[in-house]
Amino acid sequence: MALKIFYIGLKDGFKEFGESVNKVVNAFLLSVTYLFGVGAVSLIARLQKRKLLDLKTSKSKETYYQGLMLSKKSKKEYYRQF
């Protein structure tokens, strides 16, 4: 009986420890990924003066919306679009 109680307590303790380590490791990995992934891309884009989002509008427009340009294009224009 005492051994069963010890085993249940040990199992619950390991489970809580694993969940705690999981939270710390995930937070660390996500932070590193954000800083080196998103941050590096943003820094490189700023150094090259690239605009990844077209957010400038004229004074006459009230929105950022741009209509869909669904006209037919040549195959060359579609080839390397991404």
N, C-alpha and C. Protein backbone atom coordinates (compact mmCIF):
# COMPACT_ATOMS: atom_id res chain seq x y z
N MET A 1 0.82 -1.19 0.00
CA MET A 1 0.00 0.00 0.00
C MET A 1 0.86 1.26 0.00
N ALA A 2 1.88 1.28 0.87
CA ALA A 2 2.74 2.45 0.96
C ALA A 2 3.55 2.62 -0.32
N LEU A 3 3.92 1.51 -0.94
CA LEU A 3 4.67 1.56 -2.19
C LEU A 3 3.83 2.14 -3.32
N LYS A 4 2.54 1.81 -3.33
CA LYS A 4 1.63 2.33 -4.35
C LYS A 4 1.46 3.84 -4.20
N ILE A 5 1.32 4.31 -2.99
CA ILE A 5 1.19 5.75 -2.73
C ILE A 5 2.49 6.46 -3.14
N PHE A 6 3.63 5.86 -2.82
CA PHE A 6 4.91 6.43 -3.21
C PHE A 6 5.02 6.53 -4.74
N TYR A 7 4.61 5.47 -5.43
CA TYR A 7 4.68 5.44 -6.90
C TYR A 7 3.77 6.52 -7.51
N ILE A 8 2.56 6.68 -6.98
CA ILE A 8 1.64 7.71 -7.50
C ILE A 8 2.22 9.11 -7.27
N GLY A 9 2.78 9.35 -6.10
CA GLY A 9 3.40 10.64 -5.81
C GLY A 9 4.60 10.91 -6.71
N LEU A 10 5.40 9.88 -6.94
CA LEU A 10 6.57 10.01 -7.81
C LEU A 10 6.14 10.33 -9.24
N LYS A 11 5.12 9.63 -9.69
CA LYS A 11 4.60 9.84 -11.06
C LYS A 11 4.07 11.26 -11.22
N ASP A 12 3.29 11.73 -10.25
CA ASP A 12 2.75 13.09 -10.32
C ASP A 12 3.86 14.14 -10.25
N GLY A 13 4.88 13.88 -9.44
CA GLY A 13 6.01 14.81 -9.33
C GLY A 13 6.76 14.93 -10.64
N PHE A 14 7.03 13.79 -11.29
CA PHE A 14 7.72 13.82 -12.58
C PHE A 14 6.88 14.52 -13.64
N LYS A 15 5.57 14.33 -13.58
CA LYS A 15 4.68 14.98 -14.55
C LYS A 15 4.72 16.49 -14.37
N GLU A 16 4.64 16.98 -13.15
CA GLU A 16 4.71 18.43 -12.89
C GLU A 16 6.07 18.99 -13.28
N PHE A 17 7.12 18.26 -12.99
CA PHE A 17 8.46 18.70 -13.37
C PHE A 17 8.59 18.79 -14.89
N GLY A 18 8.09 17.80 -15.61
CA GLY A 18 8.14 17.81 -17.06
C GLY A 18 7.36 18.96 -17.66
N GLU A 19 6.20 19.27 -17.11
CA GLU A 19 5.40 20.39 -17.60
C GLU A 19 6.12 21.72 -17.35
N SER A 20 6.77 21.84 -16.20
CA SER A 20 7.51 23.07 -15.90
C SER A 20 8.69 23.26 -16.85
N VAL A 21 9.44 22.20 -17.08
CA VAL A 21 10.57 22.27 -18.01
C VAL A 21 10.07 22.56 -19.41
N ASN A 22 8.95 21.99 -19.80
CA ASN A 22 8.36 22.21 -21.10
C ASN A 22 8.04 23.69 -21.32
N LYS A 23 7.47 24.34 -20.33
CA LYS A 23 7.13 25.77 -20.45
C LYS A 23 8.38 26.62 -20.63
N VAL A 24 9.42 26.33 -19.87
CA VAL A 24 10.66 27.11 -19.95
C VAL A 24 11.34 26.90 -21.30
N VAL A 25 11.44 25.67 -21.74
CA VAL A 25 12.11 25.36 -23.00
C VAL A 25 11.34 25.96 -24.17
N ASN A 26 10.02 25.83 -24.18
CA ASN A 26 9.23 26.40 -25.26
C ASN A 26 9.35 27.91 -25.33
N ALA A 27 9.31 28.57 -24.19
CA ALA A 27 9.45 30.02 -24.17
C ALA A 27 10.82 30.43 -24.71
N PHE A 28 11.85 29.73 -24.32
CA PHE A 28 13.20 30.04 -24.79
C PHE A 28 13.33 29.81 -26.29
N LEU A 29 12.85 28.67 -26.77
CA LEU A 29 12.96 28.37 -28.20
C LEU A 29 12.15 29.32 -29.06
N LEU A 30 10.96 29.67 -28.62
CA LEU A 30 10.15 30.61 -29.39
C LEU A 30 10.78 32.00 -29.40
N SER A 31 11.38 32.40 -28.29
CA SER A 31 12.05 33.71 -28.24
C SER A 31 13.24 33.75 -29.18
N VAL A 32 14.05 32.70 -29.16
CA VAL A 32 15.22 32.63 -30.04
C VAL A 32 14.79 32.62 -31.50
N THR A 33 13.76 31.85 -31.81
CA THR A 33 13.26 31.78 -33.18
C THR A 33 12.77 33.14 -33.64
N TYR A 34 12.05 33.84 -32.79
CA TYR A 34 11.54 35.16 -33.16
C TYR A 34 12.68 36.15 -33.36
N LEU A 35 13.61 36.18 -32.44
CA LEU A 35 14.70 37.15 -32.53
C LEU A 35 15.59 36.90 -33.74
N PHE A 36 15.96 35.66 -33.98
CA PHE A 36 16.87 35.38 -35.10
C PHE A 36 16.14 35.19 -36.42
N GLY A 37 14.91 34.74 -36.39
CA GLY A 37 14.15 34.55 -37.62
C GLY A 37 13.52 35.84 -38.09
N VAL A 38 12.56 36.32 -37.36
CA VAL A 38 11.82 37.52 -37.75
C VAL A 38 12.70 38.76 -37.61
N GLY A 39 13.44 38.85 -36.54
CA GLY A 39 14.29 40.02 -36.33
C GLY A 39 15.37 40.17 -37.39
N ALA A 40 16.00 39.07 -37.77
CA ALA A 40 17.05 39.13 -38.78
C ALA A 40 16.49 39.53 -40.14
N VAL A 41 15.34 38.98 -40.50
CA VAL A 41 14.72 39.35 -41.78
C VAL A 41 14.35 40.82 -41.78
N SER A 42 13.81 41.31 -40.69
CA SER A 42 13.44 42.71 -40.58
C SER A 42 14.66 43.62 -40.69
N LEU A 43 15.73 43.24 -40.01
CA LEU A 43 16.95 44.04 -40.05
C LEU A 43 17.55 44.07 -41.45
N ILE A 44 17.60 42.94 -42.12
CA ILE A 44 18.14 42.88 -43.48
C ILE A 44 17.29 43.71 -44.43
N ALA A 45 15.96 43.63 -44.27
CA ALA A 45 15.07 44.41 -45.13
C ALA A 45 15.26 45.90 -44.90
N ARG A 46 15.47 46.31 -43.67
CA ARG A 46 15.70 47.74 -43.39
C ARG A 46 17.04 48.21 -43.97
N LEU A 47 18.06 47.37 -43.86
CA LEU A 47 19.36 47.76 -44.40
C LEU A 47 19.32 47.88 -45.92
N GLN A 48 18.51 47.05 -46.57
CA GLN A 48 18.38 47.11 -48.02
C GLN A 48 17.29 48.07 -48.47
N LYS A 49 16.64 48.72 -47.49
CA LYS A 49 15.57 49.70 -47.74
C LYS A 49 14.44 49.10 -48.57
N ARG A 50 14.05 47.90 -48.21
CA ARG A 50 12.93 47.24 -48.88
C ARG A 50 11.65 47.50 -48.09
N LYS A 51 10.58 47.62 -48.79
CA LYS A 51 9.27 47.79 -48.17
C LYS A 51 8.50 46.48 -48.33
N LEU A 52 8.38 45.73 -47.25
CA LEU A 52 7.69 44.45 -47.32
C LEU A 52 6.18 44.63 -47.34
N LEU A 53 5.69 45.71 -46.77
CA LEU A 53 4.27 46.03 -46.80
C LEU A 53 4.11 47.41 -47.42
N ASP A 54 3.19 47.52 -48.34
CA ASP A 54 2.93 48.80 -48.98
C ASP A 54 1.88 49.53 -48.16
N LEU A 55 2.32 50.33 -47.19
CA LEU A 55 1.40 50.98 -46.27
C LEU A 55 1.23 52.47 -46.53
N LYS A 56 1.90 53.01 -47.51
CA LYS A 56 1.75 54.43 -47.79
C LYS A 56 0.55 54.66 -48.70
N THR A 57 -0.25 55.64 -48.35
CA THR A 57 -1.40 56.00 -49.18
C THR A 57 -1.34 57.49 -49.45
N SER A 58 -2.05 57.89 -50.46
CA SER A 58 -2.12 59.31 -50.74
C SER A 58 -3.16 59.94 -49.81
N LYS A 59 -3.15 61.25 -49.73
CA LYS A 59 -4.07 61.95 -48.84
C LYS A 59 -5.52 61.78 -49.28
N SER A 60 -5.74 61.54 -50.56
CA SER A 60 -7.11 61.43 -51.06
C SER A 60 -7.75 60.08 -50.73
N LYS A 61 -6.94 59.07 -50.46
CA LYS A 61 -7.48 57.75 -50.14
C LYS A 61 -7.69 57.61 -48.64
N GLU A 62 -8.71 56.87 -48.28
CA GLU A 62 -9.01 56.65 -46.86
C GLU A 62 -8.64 55.25 -46.40
N THR A 63 -8.15 54.41 -47.31
CA THR A 63 -7.90 53.02 -46.98
C THR A 63 -6.63 52.51 -47.67
N TYR A 64 -6.12 51.39 -47.18
CA TYR A 64 -4.97 50.74 -47.80
C TYR A 64 -5.38 49.76 -48.88
N TYR A 65 -6.67 49.55 -49.04
CA TYR A 65 -7.17 48.53 -49.96
C TYR A 65 -6.72 48.81 -51.39
N GLN A 66 -6.28 47.76 -52.06
CA GLN A 66 -5.95 47.85 -53.47
C GLN A 66 -6.80 46.81 -54.19
N GLY A 67 -7.39 47.23 -55.26
CA GLY A 67 -8.25 46.31 -56.00
C GLY A 67 -7.47 45.15 -56.57
N LEU A 68 -8.18 44.04 -56.79
CA LEU A 68 -7.54 42.88 -57.39
C LEU A 68 -7.31 43.14 -58.86
N MET A 69 -6.12 42.86 -59.30
CA MET A 69 -5.80 43.04 -60.70
C MET A 69 -5.88 41.66 -61.35
N LEU A 70 -7.06 41.31 -61.81
CA LEU A 70 -7.31 39.97 -62.32
C LEU A 70 -7.20 39.86 -63.83
N SER A 71 -6.48 40.77 -64.43
CA SER A 71 -6.33 40.70 -65.88
C SER A 71 -5.38 39.55 -66.24
N LYS A 72 -5.49 39.07 -67.42
CA LYS A 72 -4.63 37.99 -67.89
C LYS A 72 -3.22 38.52 -68.12
N LYS A 73 -2.27 37.75 -67.69
CA LYS A 73 -0.86 38.11 -67.87
C LYS A 73 -0.19 37.03 -68.69
N SER A 74 0.98 37.35 -69.16
CA SER A 74 1.71 36.35 -69.93
C SER A 74 2.29 35.28 -69.00
N LYS A 75 2.68 34.14 -69.55
CA LYS A 75 3.23 33.06 -68.73
C LYS A 75 4.52 33.48 -68.04
N LYS A 76 5.31 34.33 -68.66
CA LYS A 76 6.57 34.78 -68.05
C LYS A 76 6.32 35.53 -66.75
N GLU A 77 5.26 36.32 -66.70
CA GLU A 77 4.96 37.07 -65.48
C GLU A 77 4.50 36.16 -64.35
N TYR A 78 3.85 35.04 -64.66
CA TYR A 78 3.39 34.10 -63.66
C TYR A 78 4.50 33.15 -63.22
N TYR A 79 5.53 32.97 -64.01
CA TYR A 79 6.52 31.94 -63.77
C TYR A 79 7.24 32.11 -62.43
N ARG A 80 7.73 33.29 -62.13
CA ARG A 80 8.51 33.53 -60.89
C ARG A 80 7.80 34.51 -59.96
N GLN A 81 6.53 34.34 -59.75
CA GLN A 81 5.79 35.29 -58.94
C GLN A 81 6.03 35.14 -57.44
N PHE A 82 6.54 34.00 -57.01
CA PHE A 82 6.82 33.83 -55.59
C PHE A 82 8.28 33.72 -55.42
